[in-house]
Amino acid sequence: MDNLAAVSAFLRSRRDKIAPEQAGLPAYGQRRVPGLRRGEVATLAGVSVEYYTRLERGNLRGVSDSVLDALAQALRLDDTERMYLYDLARAAGPAPGAGARQREVRPTVRPSVTRIVEGMPELPAYVMNNRLDTLAANPLGRALYSEMYADPSCGANVARFAFFNPAARRFYADWERMARFAVGALRIEAGKSPYDRELSNLIGELSTRSDAFRVMWGSHDVHVFRQSTKRLDHPLVGVLELDQETMSLPDESGLSVVVYSAPPGTAAEDGLKLLANWSATTGPEQDADSTSEPSNRRP
């Protein structure tokens, strides 16, 4: 990822979102463009207009933490956006040598993590990296995402599934929200790992093949997967309203364990039991239109 361009576009996009009134500044007359002017951001951050202009051109090399904090406050950044700004500033430092990049290793799922995921047979669970690849899943996790695993073009990647497979727009009841979160998560990772070739290739592929991804990527919004409630319309058992928890592993691997659950006594709990039974007797390898699918699909 081009760090200068990413910094410049991110700062401009945040500046454009803030009305003068939100920043406690007077607004005189009609403005030709939305948001704050550079001089107003500079005043709020306590730096000169010339210095802020340099920052907005993408040059964050050597910028102190105090200036970054002032800039984050002036632009009203949330915690995720602030973290992204700091990642961009770190990436603005000297690039690692070619040898260092070649020594980068792909994180692997430790056997102990696999045992944890496999030890939750009644809950869909999988291990995901920061590129949104699912590296391991228990049987119910594979059954829940059976359409993704059945599509070789997805490569078991949640972002590819969301933007390339038409079934995803039905599977995710709020597809727009989920897609924006996926894009925002990839942008966060691009800020952390600007020299990750696989990540760059993935973003390039998504940008080339999906107009929707291109538009969302251009918004420069950032997101982190945490707890959320998702409505998933599974082709076999119907709509499931599930709680999703994303737990980062306490190491430098960048891996997370994602687990879905349903409140006791709900239709979603019944749906998961039905899906688990199908997974145990048939398996997600079968096509979703298989004659062995449950006959009591929930609406």
Foldseek 3Di string as FASTA:
>chain_A
DPLLVLQLLLLVLLQQVDACVNLVHDDDDDDPGHGDDLCQLCVQLVHHSVVSVVRNSRQLEPPDPSSLVSSCVSSVPDPLSSLLNVLSSVVNPDDDDPVVVVPDDADDDDPVNQCVQQVCLLWWKFKAFLLQATRGTHQLVCLLVLVLVLDVVNNNHPQCCLFPPPCNCQFFVPSVVVNLASLQSLSSVCSNCVPPPVSVVVLVVSCVPGPVSVVSNSSSHHHDDAWDWTWGQRLQAGTATWIWGWAADPDDNRMIMIIIDDPPPDSNSVSSVLSSVCCVPPNSNDDSPDPPGDPNHDD
